[in-house]
Amino acid sequence: MKPDKAYVPLKPFLITKNDDGMIRLTVRETRYNSQGYPLVTATVVDQAFETATKARQHAAAEFRAKPGEFAMK
């Protein structure tokens, strides 16, 4: 089944800053049910990072992330 054309896919990696000023990395996986509705699973990585660059480097090393697969919030 093809996904809904109105749905904009999420980037698989989300980088956010928490209240303590540390950077957090969230890994998101999108799959589709039988009706084509997107189901997103988001898992926060246990490790906190000092900079977004370090979070990107960790994602590249551990999850084979590529440039353009990151969203910032």
PDB file of N, CA and C in Angstrom:
ATOM      1  N   MET A   1       0.845  -1.174   0.000  1.00  0.00           N
ATOM      2  CA  MET A   1       0.000   0.000   0.000  1.00  0.00           C
ATOM      3  C   MET A   1       0.892   1.239   0.000  1.00  0.00           C
ATOM      4  N   LYS A   2       0.585   2.214  -0.810  1.00  0.00           N
ATOM      5  CA  LYS A   2       1.362   3.442  -0.879  1.00  0.00           C
ATOM      6  C   LYS A   2       0.965   4.376   0.260  1.00  0.00           C
ATOM      7  N   PRO A   3       1.946   5.124   0.800  1.00  0.00           N
ATOM      8  CA  PRO A   3       1.615   6.080   1.856  1.00  0.00           C
ATOM      9  C   PRO A   3       0.775   7.235   1.319  1.00  0.00           C
ATOM     10  N   ASP A   4       0.073   7.896   2.229  1.00  0.00           N
ATOM     11  CA  ASP A   4      -0.759   9.047   1.900  1.00  0.00           C
ATOM     12  C   ASP A   4       0.106  10.148   1.288  1.00  0.00           C
ATOM     13  N   LYS A   5      -0.315  10.697   0.157  1.00  0.00           N
ATOM     14  CA  LYS A   5       0.462  11.732  -0.517  1.00  0.00           C
ATOM     15  C   LYS A   5       0.511  13.030   0.278  1.00  0.00           C
ATOM     16  N   ALA A   6      -0.453  13.266   1.156  1.00  0.00           N
ATOM     17  CA  ALA A   6      -0.478  14.495   1.944  1.00  0.00           C
ATOM     18  C   ALA A   6       0.507  14.430   3.112  1.00  0.00           C
ATOM     19  N   TYR A   7       0.978  13.239   3.445  1.00  0.00           N
ATOM     20  CA  TYR A   7       1.886  13.067   4.570  1.00  0.00           C
ATOM     21  C   TYR A   7       3.315  13.409   4.160  1.00  0.00           C
ATOM     22  N   VAL A   8       3.953  14.293   4.916  1.00  0.00           N
ATOM     23  CA  VAL A   8       5.349  14.637   4.678  1.00  0.00           C
ATOM     24  C   VAL A   8       6.193  13.774   5.612  1.00  0.00           C
ATOM     25  N   PRO A   9       7.054  12.928   5.083  1.00  0.00           N
ATOM     26  CA  PRO A   9       7.833  12.037   5.941  1.00  0.00           C
ATOM     27  C   PRO A   9       8.726  12.807   6.909  1.00  0.00           C
ATOM     28  N   LEU A  10       8.852  12.283   8.118  1.00  0.00           N
ATOM     29  CA  LEU A  10       9.725  12.881   9.117  1.00  0.00           C
ATOM     30  C   LEU A  10      11.167  12.498   8.832  1.00  0.00           C
ATOM     31  N   LYS A  11      12.071  13.388   9.193  1.00  0.00           N
ATOM     32  CA  LYS A  11      13.484  13.038   9.094  1.00  0.00           C
ATOM     33  C   LYS A  11      13.780  12.057  10.224  1.00  0.00           C
ATOM     34  N   PRO A  12      14.612  11.050   9.972  1.00  0.00           N
ATOM     35  CA  PRO A  12      14.785   9.978  10.953  1.00  0.00           C
ATOM     36  C   PRO A  12      15.528  10.360  12.228  1.00  0.00           C
ATOM     37  N   PHE A  13      16.171  11.523  12.268  1.00  0.00           N
ATOM     38  CA  PHE A  13      16.909  11.921  13.463  1.00  0.00           C
ATOM     39  C   PHE A  13      16.492  13.327  13.882  1.00  0.00           C
ATOM     40  N   LEU A  14      16.127  13.470  15.154  1.00  0.00           N
ATOM     41  CA  LEU A  14      15.715  14.761  15.699  1.00  0.00           C
ATOM     42  C   LEU A  14      16.717  15.175  16.764  1.00  0.00           C
ATOM     43  N   ILE A  15      17.239  16.398  16.651  1.00  0.00           N
ATOM     44  CA  ILE A  15      18.176  16.938  17.628  1.00  0.00           C
ATOM     45  C   ILE A  15      17.470  18.064  18.368  1.00  0.00           C
ATOM     46  N   THR A  16      17.412  17.943  19.706  1.00  0.00           N
ATOM     47  CA  THR A  16      16.748  18.947  20.542  1.00  0.00           C
ATOM     48  C   THR A  16      17.657  19.344  21.696  1.00  0.00           C
ATOM     49  N   LYS A  17      17.364  20.492  22.289  1.00  0.00           N
ATOM     50  CA  LYS A  17      18.089  20.944  23.478  1.00  0.00           C
ATOM     51  C   LYS A  17      17.143  20.827  24.663  1.00  0.00           C
ATOM     52  N   ASN A  18      17.603  20.177  25.737  1.00  0.00           N
ATOM     53  CA  ASN A  18      16.740  20.015  26.911  1.00  0.00           C
ATOM     54  C   ASN A  18      16.875  21.214  27.852  1.00  0.00           C
ATOM     55  N   ASP A  19      16.167  21.188  28.963  1.00  0.00           N
ATOM     56  CA  ASP A  19      16.158  22.307  29.910  1.00  0.00           C
ATOM     57  C   ASP A  19      17.521  22.562  30.543  1.00  0.00           C
ATOM     58  N   ASP A  20      18.366  21.542  30.602  1.00  0.00           N
ATOM     59  CA  ASP A  20      19.701  21.679  31.193  1.00  0.00           C
ATOM     60  C   ASP A  20      20.719  22.225  30.197  1.00  0.00           C
ATOM     61  N   GLY A  21      20.299  22.453  28.964  1.00  0.00           N
ATOM     62  CA  GLY A  21      21.193  22.967  27.939  1.00  0.00           C
ATOM     63  C   GLY A  21      21.958  21.895  27.186  1.00  0.00           C
ATOM     64  N   MET A  22      21.684  20.639  27.493  1.00  0.00           N
ATOM     65  CA  MET A  22      22.352  19.538  26.801  1.00  0.00           C
ATOM     66  C   MET A  22      21.557  19.171  25.541  1.00  0.00           C
ATOM     67  N   ILE A  23      22.246  18.626  24.571  1.00  0.00           N
ATOM     68  CA  ILE A  23      21.642  18.232  23.300  1.00  0.00           C
ATOM     69  C   ILE A  23      21.222  16.768  23.389  1.00  0.00           C
ATOM     70  N   ARG A  24      20.008  16.483  22.931  1.00  0.00           N
ATOM     71  CA  ARG A  24      19.478  15.109  22.927  1.00  0.00           C
ATOM     72  C   ARG A  24      19.217  14.684  21.493  1.00  0.00           C
ATOM     73  N   LEU A  25      19.423  13.409  21.227  1.00  0.00           N
ATOM     74  CA  LEU A  25      19.208  12.828  19.911  1.00  0.00           C
ATOM     75  C   LEU A  25      18.051  11.841  19.995  1.00  0.00           C
ATOM     76  N   THR A  26      17.083  11.982  19.098  1.00  0.00           N
ATOM     77  CA  THR A  26      15.948  11.063  19.023  1.00  0.00           C
ATOM     78  C   THR A  26      15.976  10.370  17.667  1.00  0.00           C
ATOM     79  N   VAL A  27      15.878   9.050  17.700  1.00  0.00           N
ATOM     80  CA  VAL A  27      15.846   8.251  16.475  1.00  0.00           C
ATOM     81  C   VAL A  27      14.390   7.925  16.183  1.00  0.00           C
ATOM     82  N   ARG A  28      13.927   8.288  14.977  1.00  0.00           N
ATOM     83  CA  ARG A  28      12.524   8.066  14.608  1.00  0.00           C
ATOM     84  C   ARG A  28      12.441   7.066  13.461  1.00  0.00           C
ATOM     85  N   GLU A  29      11.533   6.123  13.611  1.00  0.00           N
ATOM     86  CA  GLU A  29      11.297   5.114  12.575  1.00  0.00           C
ATOM     87  C   GLU A  29       9.850   5.242  12.118  1.00  0.00           C
ATOM     88  N   THR A  30       9.647   5.377  10.819  1.00  0.00           N
ATOM     89  CA  THR A  30       8.300   5.485  10.259  1.00  0.00           C
ATOM     90  C   THR A  30       7.978   4.218   9.483  1.00  0.00           C
ATOM     91  N   ARG A  31       6.850   3.629   9.805  1.00  0.00           N
ATOM     92  CA  ARG A  31       6.338   2.494   9.031  1.00  0.00           C
ATOM     93  C   ARG A  31       4.867   2.774   8.763  1.00  0.00           C
ATOM     94  N   TYR A  32       4.257   1.996   7.910  1.00  0.00           N
ATOM     95  CA  TYR A  32       2.886   2.269   7.488  1.00  0.00           C
ATOM     96  C   TYR A  32       2.002   1.064   7.766  1.00  0.00           C
ATOM     97  N   ASN A  33       0.772   1.336   8.234  1.00  0.00           N
ATOM     98  CA  ASN A  33      -0.165   0.233   8.466  1.00  0.00           C
ATOM     99  C   ASN A  33      -0.808  -0.171   7.136  1.00  0.00           C
ATOM    100  N   SER A  34      -1.734  -1.104   7.191  1.00  0.00           N
ATOM    101  CA  SER A  34      -2.326  -1.642   5.962  1.00  0.00           C
ATOM    102  C   SER A  34      -3.154  -0.619   5.184  1.00  0.00           C
ATOM    103  N   GLN A  35      -3.593   0.458   5.843  1.00  0.00           N
ATOM    104  CA  GLN A  35      -4.340   1.509   5.150  1.00  0.00           C
ATOM    105  C   GLN A  35      -3.427   2.636   4.664  1.00  0.00           C
ATOM    106  N   GLY A  36      -2.117   2.496   4.869  1.00  0.00           N
ATOM    107  CA  GLY A  36      -1.180   3.516   4.425  1.00  0.00           C
ATOM    108  C   GLY A  36      -0.972   4.635   5.420  1.00  0.00           C
ATOM    109  N   TYR A  37      -1.490   4.490   6.632  1.00  0.00           N
ATOM    110  CA  TYR A  37      -1.338   5.518   7.661  1.00  0.00           C
ATOM    111  C   TYR A  37       0.040   5.387   8.303  1.00  0.00           C
ATOM    112  N   PRO A  38       0.786   6.492   8.440  1.00  0.00           N
ATOM    113  CA  PRO A  38       2.132   6.401   9.013  1.00  0.00           C
ATOM    114  C   PRO A  38       2.097   6.180  10.529  1.00  0.00           C
ATOM    115  N   LEU A  39       2.949   5.284  10.988  1.00  0.00           N
ATOM    116  CA  LEU A  39       3.129   5.021  12.413  1.00  0.00           C
ATOM    117  C   LEU A  39       4.581   5.347  12.738  1.00  0.00           C
ATOM    118  N   VAL A  40       4.795   6.300  13.642  1.00  0.00           N
ATOM    119  CA  VAL A  40       6.146   6.749  13.959  1.00  0.00           C
ATOM    120  C   VAL A  40       6.516   6.290  15.364  1.00  0.00           C
ATOM    121  N   THR A  41       7.675   5.652  15.471  1.00  0.00           N
ATOM    122  CA  THR A  41       8.234   5.263  16.757  1.00  0.00           C
ATOM    123  C   THR A  41       9.450   6.143  17.003  1.00  0.00           C
ATOM    124  N   ALA A  42       9.459   6.857  18.125  1.00  0.00           N
ATOM    125  CA  ALA A  42      10.575   7.739  18.466  1.00  0.00           C
ATOM    126  C   ALA A  42      11.258   7.213  19.720  1.00  0.00           C
ATOM    127  N   THR A  43      12.581   7.054  19.641  1.00  0.00           N
ATOM    128  CA  THR A  43      13.372   6.560  20.761  1.00  0.00           C
ATOM    129  C   THR A  43      14.480   7.558  21.057  1.00  0.00           C
ATOM    130  N   VAL A  44      14.505   8.067  22.290  1.00  0.00           N
ATOM    131  CA  VAL A  44      15.541   9.013  22.693  1.00  0.00           C
ATOM    132  C   VAL A  44      16.794   8.228  23.067  1.00  0.00           C
ATOM    133  N   VAL A  45      17.936   8.642  22.529  1.00  0.00           N
ATOM    134  CA  VAL A  45      19.217   8.017  22.860  1.00  0.00           C
ATOM    135  C   VAL A  45      19.566   8.407  24.292  1.00  0.00           C
ATOM    136  N   ASP A  46      20.045   7.455  25.082  1.00  0.00           N
ATOM    137  CA  ASP A  46      20.343   7.696  26.498  1.00  0.00           C
ATOM    138  C   ASP A  46      21.408   8.766  26.713  1.00  0.00           C
ATOM    139  N   GLN A  47      22.364   8.835  25.835  1.00  0.00           N
ATOM    140  CA  GLN A  47      23.482   9.761  25.982  1.00  0.00           C
ATOM    141  C   GLN A  47      23.063  11.190  25.637  1.00  0.00           C
ATOM    142  N   ALA A  48      23.539  12.161  26.427  1.00  0.00           N
ATOM    143  CA  ALA A  48      23.343  13.582  26.127  1.00  0.00           C
ATOM    144  C   ALA A  48      24.652  14.121  25.550  1.00  0.00           C
ATOM    145  N   PHE A  49      24.556  15.125  24.693  1.00  0.00           N
ATOM    146  CA  PHE A  49      25.730  15.654  24.002  1.00  0.00           C
ATOM    147  C   PHE A  49      25.888  17.135  24.312  1.00  0.00           C
ATOM    148  N   GLU A  50      27.134  17.611  24.230  1.00  0.00           N
ATOM    149  CA  GLU A  50      27.408  19.026  24.483  1.00  0.00           C
ATOM    150  C   GLU A  50      27.040  19.894  23.290  1.00  0.00           C
ATOM    151  N   THR A  51      27.194  19.346  22.086  1.00  0.00           N
ATOM    152  CA  THR A  51      26.901  20.112  20.871  1.00  0.00           C
ATOM    153  C   THR A  51      26.101  19.262  19.887  1.00  0.00           C
ATOM    154  N   ALA A  52      25.441  19.942  18.963  1.00  0.00           N
ATOM    155  CA  ALA A  52      24.686  19.241  17.919  1.00  0.00           C
ATOM    156  C   ALA A  52      25.632  18.480  16.993  1.00  0.00           C
ATOM    157  N   THR A  53      26.832  19.003  16.798  1.00  0.00           N
ATOM    158  CA  THR A  53      27.815  18.322  15.953  1.00  0.00           C
ATOM    159  C   THR A  53      28.179  16.962  16.533  1.00  0.00           C
ATOM    160  N   LYS A  54      28.355  16.904  17.850  1.00  0.00           N
ATOM    161  CA  LYS A  54      28.678  15.628  18.497  1.00  0.00           C
ATOM    162  C   LYS A  54      27.505  14.655  18.388  1.00  0.00           C
ATOM    163  N   ALA A  55      26.286  15.162  18.467  1.00  0.00           N
ATOM    164  CA  ALA A  55      25.106  14.306  18.305  1.00  0.00           C
ATOM    165  C   ALA A  55      25.046  13.754  16.884  1.00  0.00           C
ATOM    166  N   ARG A  56      25.357  14.591  15.892  1.00  0.00           N
ATOM    167  CA  ARG A  56      25.377  14.137  14.497  1.00  0.00           C
ATOM    168  C   ARG A  56      26.463  13.081  14.277  1.00  0.00           C
ATOM    169  N   GLN A  57      27.641  13.310  14.870  1.00  0.00           N
ATOM    170  CA  GLN A  57      28.732  12.344  14.733  1.00  0.00           C
ATOM    171  C   GLN A  57      28.348  11.004  15.351  1.00  0.00           C
ATOM    172  N   HIS A  58      27.679  11.040  16.495  1.00  0.00           N
ATOM    173  CA  HIS A  58      27.231   9.809  17.148  1.00  0.00           C
ATOM    174  C   HIS A  58      26.216   9.081  16.258  1.00  0.00           C
ATOM    175  N   ALA A  59      25.275   9.820  15.694  1.00  0.00           N
ATOM    176  CA  ALA A  59      24.264   9.213  14.822  1.00  0.00           C
ATOM    177  C   ALA A  59      24.909   8.603  13.578  1.00  0.00           C
ATOM    178  N   ALA A  60      25.908   9.272  13.038  1.00  0.00           N
ATOM    179  CA  ALA A  60      26.598   8.745  11.857  1.00  0.00           C
ATOM    180  C   ALA A  60      27.351   7.461  12.201  1.00  0.00           C
ATOM    181  N   ALA A  61      27.981   7.423  13.368  1.00  0.00           N
ATOM    182  CA  ALA A  61      28.766   6.253  13.764  1.00  0.00           C
ATOM    183  C   ALA A  61      27.878   5.079  14.170  1.00  0.00           C
ATOM    184  N   GLU A  62      26.826   5.349  14.929  1.00  0.00           N
ATOM    185  CA  GLU A  62      25.999   4.277  15.491  1.00  0.00           C
ATOM    186  C   GLU A  62      24.840   3.845  14.588  1.00  0.00           C
ATOM    187  N   PHE A  63      24.276   4.790  13.829  1.00  0.00           N
ATOM    188  CA  PHE A  63      23.067   4.504  13.051  1.00  0.00           C
ATOM    189  C   PHE A  63      23.246   4.726  11.551  1.00  0.00           C
ATOM    190  N   ARG A  64      24.480   5.013  11.123  1.00  0.00           N
ATOM    191  CA  ARG A  64      24.783   5.286   9.710  1.00  0.00           C
ATOM    192  C   ARG A  64      23.948   6.438   9.150  1.00  0.00           C
ATOM    193  N   ALA A  65      23.790   7.464   9.952  1.00  0.00           N
ATOM    194  CA  ALA A  65      23.038   8.646   9.518  1.00  0.00           C
ATOM    195  C   ALA A  65      23.825   9.394   8.445  1.00  0.00           C
ATOM    196  N   LYS A  66      23.094   9.998   7.532  1.00  0.00           N
ATOM    197  CA  LYS A  66      23.698  10.758   6.442  1.00  0.00           C
ATOM    198  C   LYS A  66      23.270  12.224   6.563  1.00  0.00           C
ATOM    199  N   PRO A  67      24.057  13.144   5.998  1.00  0.00           N
ATOM    200  CA  PRO A  67      23.644  14.549   6.003  1.00  0.00           C
ATOM    201  C   PRO A  67      22.266  14.699   5.359  1.00  0.00           C
ATOM    202  N   GLY A  68      21.449  15.572   5.907  1.00  0.00           N
ATOM    203  CA  GLY A  68      20.101  15.789   5.388  1.00  0.00           C
ATOM    204  C   GLY A  68      19.047  14.954   6.083  1.00  0.00           C
ATOM    205  N   GLU A  69      19.462  14.035   6.962  1.00  0.00           N
ATOM    206  CA  GLU A  69      18.510  13.194   7.686  1.00  0.00           C
ATOM    207  C   GLU A  69      18.217  13.718   9.090  1.00  0.00           C
ATOM    208  N   PHE A  70      18.639  14.950   9.380  1.00  0.00           N
ATOM    209  CA  PHE A  70      18.479  15.516  10.717  1.00  0.00           C
ATOM    210  C   PHE A  70      17.470  16.656  10.719  1.00  0.00           C
ATOM    211  N   ALA A  71      16.682  16.710  11.778  1.00  0.00           N
ATOM    212  CA  ALA A  71      15.785  17.841  12.022  1.00  0.00           C
ATOM    213  C   ALA A  71      16.208  18.453  13.352  1.00  0.00           C
ATOM    214  N   MET A  72      16.097  19.770  13.457  1.00  0.00           N
ATOM    215  CA  MET A  72      16.445  20.475  14.698  1.00  0.00           C
ATOM    216  C   MET A  72      15.179  21.069  15.295  1.00  0.00           C
ATOM    217  N   LYS A  73      15.112  21.060  16.611  1.00  0.00           N
ATOM    218  CA  LYS A  73      13.959  21.665  17.275  1.00  0.00           C
ATOM    219  C   LYS A  73      14.430  22.461  18.452  1.00  0.00           C
TER     220      LYS A  73
END
